[in-house]
C-alpha cells in the first residue's frame, strides 16, 4: 500500500482530483444530454476514478471543489474532500501540489472524467516515475491535453501546471527547462477522457452499456438527443 508514510522503495504519492460544481460540468454535452443526465454521468466517472485510486491502495487522496453531491460521493469512497483552493483550475492544482510538498509527498493530478481508468493504471503510472526521480505525464489521446501529472515533492516549487490548450507540450517544455527527465505513461484508461458527444458514441462502441453503468440506469433509460454532425 502507498501511504503518506512511504519509504524510498515505496514512494509516497498524494492523488488530487479537482472538480467543478455539477452544473458547470460537461457543458459541451448540452446538445445531446440534459442537465440531470450530465450530472449523473459526471458522478459516475468520478466514482470510477476514485475507485481506481482506492483499488490501487494509494491513500490518502483528495477531491477539491465541486458541490454537495460531489462532496458526498467523495467522502463515501474514502477521499478527503475540501473546498476549492484557487481562482481557476491551474491555481487550484498549484496550491494543492504545494500542500503535498509541505507533507513531503509527491503530487499526482488526475481529472475526474476518465471512464476507463483501472487500479492498474495508477500502479503503472507511479511505477513509471522511477521512485519519484522524474516528472511523469499521461497525454490525452487527442486535443493535446494532459490527463495525469506526477511531480516529485522536491520538484513541486519549480513545476507549474498549465492545463488547457496544448498543455501536454507545455508540460514537457517545462520539465525540459527544469533539466529533469520526463516519463510518459500511455494507456486507454488514462488517455480516454470524455468531453463531447462524439466521445459518447465512440466509448459506447468500445464498451456497450457504458453510459448505463456510469449513470446507474437501466438500458434504454437514457434520453440522448441526436448529435448533429
C-alpha atoms as a PDB file:
ATOM      1  CA  UNK A   1       0.000   0.000   0.000  1.00  0.00           C
ATOM      2  CA  UNK A   2       1.235   3.504  -0.795  1.00  0.00           C
ATOM      3  CA  UNK A   3       0.658   5.750   2.166  1.00  0.00           C
ATOM      4  CA  UNK A   4       1.681   9.119   3.473  1.00  0.00           C
ATOM      5  CA  UNK A   5       4.495   7.460   5.403  1.00  0.00           C
ATOM      6  CA  UNK A   6       6.134   5.895   2.338  1.00  0.00           C
ATOM      7  CA  UNK A   7       9.758   4.782   2.103  1.00  0.00           C
ATOM      8  CA  UNK A   8      12.370   5.123  -0.666  1.00  0.00           C
ATOM      9  CA  UNK A   9      11.271   1.775  -2.117  1.00  0.00           C
ATOM     10  CA  UNK A  10       7.593   2.542  -1.623  1.00  0.00           C
ATOM     11  CA  UNK A  11       7.271   6.222  -2.531  1.00  0.00           C
ATOM     12  CA  UNK A  12       4.519   8.354  -1.134  1.00  0.00           C
ATOM     13  CA  UNK A  13       2.073   9.913  -3.589  1.00  0.00           C
ATOM     14  CA  UNK A  14      -0.946  12.123  -2.993  1.00  0.00           C
ATOM     15  CA  UNK A  15      -3.580  11.883  -5.775  1.00  0.00           C
ATOM     16  CA  UNK A  16      -5.503  15.127  -6.301  1.00  0.00           C
ATOM     17  CA  UNK A  17      -8.746  15.258  -8.298  1.00  0.00           C
ATOM     18  CA  UNK A  18     -10.121  18.782  -8.900  1.00  0.00           C
ATOM     19  CA  UNK A  19     -13.833  19.135  -9.642  1.00  0.00           C
ATOM     20  CA  UNK A  20     -16.314  21.861 -10.553  1.00  0.00           C
ATOM     21  CA  UNK A  21     -19.929  22.085  -9.381  1.00  0.00           C
ATOM     22  CA  UNK A  22     -22.053  19.643 -11.365  1.00  0.00           C
ATOM     23  CA  UNK A  23     -23.969  22.484 -13.012  1.00  0.00           C
ATOM     24  CA  UNK A  24     -20.691  23.545 -14.656  1.00  0.00           C
ATOM     25  CA  UNK A  25     -19.519  20.084 -15.710  1.00  0.00           C
ATOM     26  CA  UNK A  26     -19.597  18.651 -19.233  1.00  0.00           C
ATOM     27  CA  UNK A  27     -21.281  21.686 -20.778  1.00  0.00           C
ATOM     28  CA  UNK A  28     -20.122  20.519 -24.218  1.00  0.00           C
ATOM     29  CA  UNK A  29     -22.654  17.703 -23.876  1.00  0.00           C
ATOM     30  CA  UNK A  30     -25.576  20.147 -23.625  1.00  0.00           C
ATOM     31  CA  UNK A  31     -26.586  19.430 -27.224  1.00  0.00           C
ATOM     32  CA  UNK A  32     -27.117  15.748 -26.530  1.00  0.00           C
ATOM     33  CA  UNK A  33     -27.833  15.396 -22.780  1.00  0.00           C
ATOM     34  CA  UNK A  34     -29.970  17.211 -20.236  1.00  0.00           C
ATOM     35  CA  UNK A  35     -28.701  18.745 -17.009  1.00  0.00           C
ATOM     36  CA  UNK A  36     -29.531  15.780 -14.751  1.00  0.00           C
ATOM     37  CA  UNK A  37     -28.037  13.244 -17.143  1.00  0.00           C
ATOM     38  CA  UNK A  38     -24.800  15.235 -17.399  1.00  0.00           C
ATOM     39  CA  UNK A  39     -24.621  15.427 -13.610  1.00  0.00           C
ATOM     40  CA  UNK A  40     -25.179  11.668 -13.246  1.00  0.00           C
ATOM     41  CA  UNK A  41     -22.560  10.957 -15.909  1.00  0.00           C
ATOM     42  CA  UNK A  42     -20.045  13.203 -14.144  1.00  0.00           C
ATOM     43  CA  UNK A  43     -20.650  11.461 -10.833  1.00  0.00           C
ATOM     44  CA  UNK A  44     -20.284   8.057 -12.498  1.00  0.00           C
ATOM     45  CA  UNK A  45     -16.916   8.951 -13.998  1.00  0.00           C
ATOM     46  CA  UNK A  46     -15.685  10.468 -10.741  1.00  0.00           C
ATOM     47  CA  UNK A  47     -16.706   7.262  -8.997  1.00  0.00           C
ATOM     48  CA  UNK A  48     -14.552   5.222 -11.400  1.00  0.00           C
ATOM     49  CA  UNK A  49     -11.550   7.485 -10.864  1.00  0.00           C
ATOM     50  CA  UNK A  50     -11.838   7.309  -7.072  1.00  0.00           C
ATOM     51  CA  UNK A  51     -12.393   3.548  -7.105  1.00  0.00           C
ATOM     52  CA  UNK A  52      -9.268   3.144  -9.249  1.00  0.00           C
ATOM     53  CA  UNK A  53      -7.211   5.175  -6.768  1.00  0.00           C
ATOM     54  CA  UNK A  54      -8.652   3.273  -3.828  1.00  0.00           C
ATOM     55  CA  UNK A  55      -8.204  -0.045  -5.603  1.00  0.00           C
ATOM     56  CA  UNK A  56      -4.535   0.765  -6.161  1.00  0.00           C
ATOM     57  CA  UNK A  57      -4.117   1.164  -2.410  1.00  0.00           C
ATOM     58  CA  UNK A  58      -2.950   4.781  -2.648  1.00  0.00           C
ATOM     59  CA  UNK A  59      -4.025   6.851   0.323  1.00  0.00           C
ATOM     60  CA  UNK A  60      -4.894   9.447   1.297  1.00  0.00           C
ATOM     61  CA  UNK A  61      -6.396  11.030  -1.827  1.00  0.00           C
ATOM     62  CA  UNK A  62      -8.121  14.361  -2.256  1.00  0.00           C
ATOM     63  CA  UNK A  63     -11.073  15.721  -4.190  1.00  0.00           C
ATOM     64  CA  UNK A  64     -11.040  19.506  -4.374  1.00  0.00           C
ATOM     65  CA  UNK A  65     -14.064  21.620  -5.262  1.00  0.00           C
ATOM     66  CA  UNK A  66     -17.465  20.742  -6.625  1.00  0.00           C
ATOM     67  CA  UNK A  67     -20.737  20.795  -4.732  1.00  0.00           C
ATOM     68  CA  UNK A  68     -22.638  18.832  -2.103  1.00  0.00           C
ATOM     69  CA  UNK A  69     -23.193  15.784  -4.272  1.00  0.00           C
ATOM     70  CA  UNK A  70     -19.529  15.618  -5.230  1.00  0.00           C
ATOM     71  CA  UNK A  71     -18.550  16.079  -1.597  1.00  0.00           C
ATOM     72  CA  UNK A  72     -20.818  13.228  -0.514  1.00  0.00           C
ATOM     73  CA  UNK A  73     -19.664  10.694  -3.108  1.00  0.00           C
ATOM     74  CA  UNK A  74     -16.026  11.626  -2.464  1.00  0.00           C
ATOM     75  CA  UNK A  75     -16.309  11.033   1.268  1.00  0.00           C
ATOM     76  CA  UNK A  76     -18.291   7.844   0.743  1.00  0.00           C
ATOM     77  CA  UNK A  77     -15.459   6.438  -1.385  1.00  0.00           C
ATOM     78  CA  UNK A  78     -12.803   7.380   1.143  1.00  0.00           C
ATOM     79  CA  UNK A  79     -11.486  10.638  -0.298  1.00  0.00           C
ATOM     80  CA  UNK A  80     -10.694  13.756   1.670  1.00  0.00           C
ATOM     81  CA  UNK A  81     -12.925  16.449   0.201  1.00  0.00           C
ATOM     82  CA  UNK A  82     -12.157  20.136   0.506  1.00  0.00           C
ATOM     83  CA  UNK A  83     -13.406  23.439  -0.834  1.00  0.00           C
ATOM     84  CA  UNK A  84     -11.852  24.864  -3.979  1.00  0.00           C
ATOM     85  CA  UNK A  85      -8.407  26.294  -3.301  1.00  0.00           C
ATOM     86  CA  UNK A  86      -7.801  28.685  -6.178  1.00  0.00           C
ATOM     87  CA  UNK A  87      -9.113  31.162  -8.713  1.00  0.00           C
ATOM     88  CA  UNK A  88      -9.110  28.602 -11.527  1.00  0.00           C
ATOM     89  CA  UNK A  89      -8.069  25.033 -12.279  1.00  0.00           C
ATOM     90  CA  UNK A  90      -4.338  25.668 -12.569  1.00  0.00           C
ATOM     91  CA  UNK A  91      -4.279  27.844  -9.463  1.00  0.00           C
ATOM     92  CA  UNK A  92      -6.129  25.149  -7.520  1.00  0.00           C
ATOM     93  CA  UNK A  93      -3.724  22.420  -8.633  1.00  0.00           C
ATOM     94  CA  UNK A  94      -0.688  24.596  -7.893  1.00  0.00           C
ATOM     95  CA  UNK A  95      -1.909  25.196  -4.341  1.00  0.00           C
ATOM     96  CA  UNK A  96      -2.822  21.535  -3.850  1.00  0.00           C
ATOM     97  CA  UNK A  97       0.635  20.481  -5.082  1.00  0.00           C
ATOM     98  CA  UNK A  98       2.200  22.886  -2.600  1.00  0.00           C
ATOM     99  CA  UNK A  99       0.151  21.265   0.156  1.00  0.00           C
ATOM    100  CA  UNK A 100       1.579  17.908  -0.925  1.00  0.00           C
ATOM    101  CA  UNK A 101       5.119  19.305  -0.867  1.00  0.00           C
ATOM    102  CA  UNK A 102       4.628  20.545   2.689  1.00  0.00           C
ATOM    103  CA  UNK A 103       3.709  16.955   3.595  1.00  0.00           C
ATOM    104  CA  UNK A 104       6.860  15.741   1.795  1.00  0.00           C
ATOM    105  CA  UNK A 105       4.861  13.632  -0.640  1.00  0.00           C
ATOM    106  CA  UNK A 106       4.771  13.660  -4.417  1.00  0.00           C
ATOM    107  CA  UNK A 107       1.661  15.105  -6.064  1.00  0.00           C
ATOM    108  CA  UNK A 108      -0.447  13.327  -8.671  1.00  0.00           C
ATOM    109  CA  UNK A 109      -3.054  15.300 -10.623  1.00  0.00           C
ATOM    110  CA  UNK A 110      -5.890  13.248 -12.117  1.00  0.00           C
ATOM    111  CA  UNK A 111      -9.023  14.546 -13.857  1.00  0.00           C
ATOM    112  CA  UNK A 112     -12.394  13.232 -12.745  1.00  0.00           C
ATOM    113  CA  UNK A 113     -13.583  12.192 -16.220  1.00  0.00           C
ATOM    114  CA  UNK A 114     -11.645   9.025 -17.090  1.00  0.00           C
ATOM    115  CA  UNK A 115     -14.340   6.391 -17.706  1.00  0.00           C
ATOM    116  CA  UNK A 116     -11.921   3.518 -18.467  1.00  0.00           C
ATOM    117  CA  UNK A 117      -9.382   4.022 -15.684  1.00  0.00           C
ATOM    118  CA  UNK A 118      -8.374   0.972 -13.631  1.00  0.00           C
ATOM    119  CA  UNK A 119      -6.250   0.484 -10.491  1.00  0.00           C
ATOM    120  CA  UNK A 120      -3.505  -0.912 -12.718  1.00  0.00           C
ATOM    121  CA  UNK A 121      -3.233   2.444 -14.452  1.00  0.00           C
ATOM    122  CA  UNK A 122      -2.460   4.098 -11.130  1.00  0.00           C
ATOM    123  CA  UNK A 123       0.128   1.416 -10.278  1.00  0.00           C
ATOM    124  CA  UNK A 124       1.832   1.684 -13.656  1.00  0.00           C
ATOM    125  CA  UNK A 125       1.847   5.476 -13.646  1.00  0.00           C
ATOM    126  CA  UNK A 126       3.541   5.568 -10.255  1.00  0.00           C
ATOM    127  CA  UNK A 127       5.979   2.864 -11.354  1.00  0.00           C
ATOM    128  CA  UNK A 128       6.861   4.995 -14.383  1.00  0.00           C
ATOM    129  CA  UNK A 129       8.055   7.721 -12.008  1.00  0.00           C
ATOM    130  CA  UNK A 130      11.129   5.626 -11.089  1.00  0.00           C
ATOM    131  CA  UNK A 131      10.754   6.240  -7.359  1.00  0.00           C
ATOM    132  CA  UNK A 132       9.951   9.929  -7.832  1.00  0.00           C
ATOM    133  CA  UNK A 133      13.121  10.964  -9.635  1.00  0.00           C
ATOM    134  CA  UNK A 134      11.316  12.345 -12.681  1.00  0.00           C
ATOM    135  CA  UNK A 135       8.159  14.130 -13.727  1.00  0.00           C
ATOM    136  CA  UNK A 136       5.600  11.697 -15.178  1.00  0.00           C
ATOM    137  CA  UNK A 137       2.913  12.737 -17.679  1.00  0.00           C
ATOM    138  CA  UNK A 138      -0.013  10.974 -19.339  1.00  0.00           C
ATOM    139  CA  UNK A 139      -1.276  12.557 -22.543  1.00  0.00           C
ATOM    140  CA  UNK A 140      -4.891  12.745 -23.586  1.00  0.00           C
ATOM    141  CA  UNK A 141      -5.415  10.703 -26.736  1.00  0.00           C
ATOM    142  CA  UNK A 142      -6.373  13.853 -28.628  1.00  0.00           C
ATOM    143  CA  UNK A 143      -6.542  17.663 -28.295  1.00  0.00           C
ATOM    144  CA  UNK A 144      -3.030  17.911 -26.846  1.00  0.00           C
ATOM    145  CA  UNK A 145      -4.267  17.708 -23.257  1.00  0.00           C
ATOM    146  CA  UNK A 146      -2.696  16.162 -20.166  1.00  0.00           C
ATOM    147  CA  UNK A 147      -4.614  13.533 -18.203  1.00  0.00           C
ATOM    148  CA  UNK A 148      -2.124  12.911 -15.404  1.00  0.00           C
ATOM    149  CA  UNK A 149       0.787  14.805 -13.867  1.00  0.00           C
ATOM    150  CA  UNK A 150       3.012  13.258 -11.194  1.00  0.00           C
ATOM    151  CA  UNK A 151       5.618  15.610  -9.707  1.00  0.00           C
ATOM    152  CA  UNK A 152       8.179  14.600  -7.046  1.00  0.00           C
ATOM    153  CA  UNK A 153       7.793  16.667  -3.900  1.00  0.00           C
ATOM    154  CA  UNK A 154      11.203  18.315  -4.220  1.00  0.00           C
ATOM    155  CA  UNK A 155      10.396  19.494  -7.771  1.00  0.00           C
ATOM    156  CA  UNK A 156       6.961  20.934  -6.978  1.00  0.00           C
ATOM    157  CA  UNK A 157       8.226  24.507  -6.397  1.00  0.00           C
ATOM    158  CA  UNK A 158       9.625  24.565  -9.946  1.00  0.00           C
ATOM    159  CA  UNK A 159       6.796  22.906 -11.876  1.00  0.00           C
ATOM    160  CA  UNK A 160       3.653  24.894 -12.625  1.00  0.00           C
ATOM    161  CA  UNK A 161       0.617  23.130 -14.126  1.00  0.00           C
ATOM    162  CA  UNK A 162      -0.600  24.683 -17.372  1.00  0.00           C
ATOM    163  CA  UNK A 163      -3.746  22.711 -18.115  1.00  0.00           C
ATOM    164  CA  UNK A 164      -5.642  23.976 -21.113  1.00  0.00           C
ATOM    165  CA  UNK A 165      -4.881  24.169 -24.820  1.00  0.00           C
ATOM    166  CA  UNK A 166      -1.822  22.098 -25.811  1.00  0.00           C
ATOM    167  CA  UNK A 167      -0.990  21.513 -22.164  1.00  0.00           C
ATOM    168  CA  UNK A 168       0.965  18.315 -22.788  1.00  0.00           C
ATOM    169  CA  UNK A 169       3.520  20.108 -24.958  1.00  0.00           C
ATOM    170  CA  UNK A 170       3.752  22.910 -22.377  1.00  0.00           C
ATOM    171  CA  UNK A 171       4.339  20.465 -19.537  1.00  0.00           C
ATOM    172  CA  UNK A 172       7.070  18.640 -21.463  1.00  0.00           C
ATOM    173  CA  UNK A 173       8.699  22.002 -22.166  1.00  0.00           C
ATOM    174  CA  UNK A 174       8.523  22.997 -18.501  1.00  0.00           C
ATOM    175  CA  UNK A 175      10.262  19.795 -17.443  1.00  0.00           C
ATOM    176  CA  UNK A 176      12.929  20.301 -20.125  1.00  0.00           C
ATOM    177  CA  UNK A 177      13.658  23.822 -18.877  1.00  0.00           C
ATOM    178  CA  UNK A 178      13.951  22.412 -15.353  1.00  0.00           C
ATOM    179  CA  UNK A 179      16.543  19.956 -16.618  1.00  0.00           C
ATOM    180  CA  UNK A 180      14.707  16.924 -15.243  1.00  0.00           C
ATOM    181  CA  UNK A 181      13.813  13.706 -17.015  1.00  0.00           C
ATOM    182  CA  UNK A 182      10.237  13.042 -18.080  1.00  0.00           C
ATOM    183  CA  UNK A 183       8.465   9.688 -18.143  1.00  0.00           C
ATOM    184  CA  UNK A 184       5.383   9.157 -20.290  1.00  0.00           C
ATOM    185  CA  UNK A 185       2.628   6.745 -19.376  1.00  0.00           C
ATOM    186  CA  UNK A 186       0.170   5.795 -22.109  1.00  0.00           C
ATOM    187  CA  UNK A 187      -2.947   3.673 -21.638  1.00  0.00           C
ATOM    188  CA  UNK A 188      -6.572   3.642 -22.653  1.00  0.00           C
ATOM    189  CA  UNK A 189      -7.559   4.178 -19.044  1.00  0.00           C
ATOM    190  CA  UNK A 190      -5.522   7.361 -18.811  1.00  0.00           C
ATOM    191  CA  UNK A 191      -5.894   8.558 -22.378  1.00  0.00           C
ATOM    192  CA  UNK A 192      -9.650   8.432 -22.927  1.00  0.00           C
ATOM    193  CA  UNK A 193     -11.343  11.346 -21.195  1.00  0.00           C
ATOM    194  CA  UNK A 194     -14.916  12.300 -22.069  1.00  0.00           C
ATOM    195  CA  UNK A 195     -15.606  15.749 -23.459  1.00  0.00           C
ATOM    196  CA  UNK A 196     -18.259  15.786 -26.159  1.00  0.00           C
ATOM    197  CA  UNK A 197     -20.997  13.877 -27.943  1.00  0.00           C
ATOM    198  CA  UNK A 198     -18.650  12.120 -30.342  1.00  0.00           C
ATOM    199  CA  UNK A 199     -16.838  10.642 -27.341  1.00  0.00           C
ATOM    200  CA  UNK A 200     -20.131   9.178 -26.101  1.00  0.00           C
ATOM    201  CA  UNK A 201     -20.697   7.343 -29.360  1.00  0.00           C
ATOM    202  CA  UNK A 202     -17.132   6.078 -29.597  1.00  0.00           C
ATOM    203  CA  UNK A 203     -16.982   4.893 -25.988  1.00  0.00           C
ATOM    204  CA  UNK A 204     -20.336   3.137 -26.230  1.00  0.00           C
ATOM    205  CA  UNK A 205     -18.913   1.220 -29.192  1.00  0.00           C
ATOM    206  CA  UNK A 206     -15.799   0.343 -27.151  1.00  0.00           C
ATOM    207  CA  UNK A 207     -17.816  -0.747 -24.103  1.00  0.00           C
ATOM    208  CA  UNK A 208     -21.504  -1.355 -24.862  1.00  0.00           C
ATOM    209  CA  UNK A 209     -23.680  -0.263 -21.956  1.00  0.00           C
ATOM    210  CA  UNK A 210     -21.013   2.098 -20.610  1.00  0.00           C
ATOM    211  CA  UNK A 211     -23.392   5.024 -20.100  1.00  0.00           C
ATOM    212  CA  UNK A 212     -25.977   2.940 -18.264  1.00  0.00           C
ATOM    213  CA  UNK A 213     -23.308   1.633 -15.897  1.00  0.00           C
ATOM    214  CA  UNK A 214     -21.781   5.041 -15.284  1.00  0.00           C
ATOM    215  CA  UNK A 215     -25.151   6.674 -14.673  1.00  0.00           C
ATOM    216  CA  UNK A 216     -26.789   3.822 -12.770  1.00  0.00           C
ATOM    217  CA  UNK A 217     -29.579   3.486 -15.329  1.00  0.00           C
ATOM    218  CA  UNK A 218     -31.386   0.616 -16.966  1.00  0.00           C
ATOM    219  CA  UNK A 219     -30.869   0.022 -20.690  1.00  0.00           C
ATOM    220  CA  UNK A 220     -32.946   2.465 -22.702  1.00  0.00           C
ATOM    221  CA  UNK A 221     -33.476   4.881 -19.810  1.00  0.00           C
ATOM    222  CA  UNK A 222     -31.030   7.495 -21.091  1.00  0.00           C
ATOM    223  CA  UNK A 223     -32.650  10.185 -23.211  1.00  0.00           C
ATOM    224  CA  UNK A 224     -29.953  11.346 -25.604  1.00  0.00           C
ATOM    225  CA  UNK A 225     -30.681  13.844 -28.325  1.00  0.00           C
ATOM    226  CA  UNK A 226     -29.191  13.050 -31.747  1.00  0.00           C
ATOM    227  CA  UNK A 227     -25.776  14.596 -32.392  1.00  0.00           C
ATOM    228  CA  UNK A 228     -25.861  16.933 -35.396  1.00  0.00           C
ATOM    229  CA  UNK A 229     -22.753  16.345 -37.482  1.00  0.00           C
END
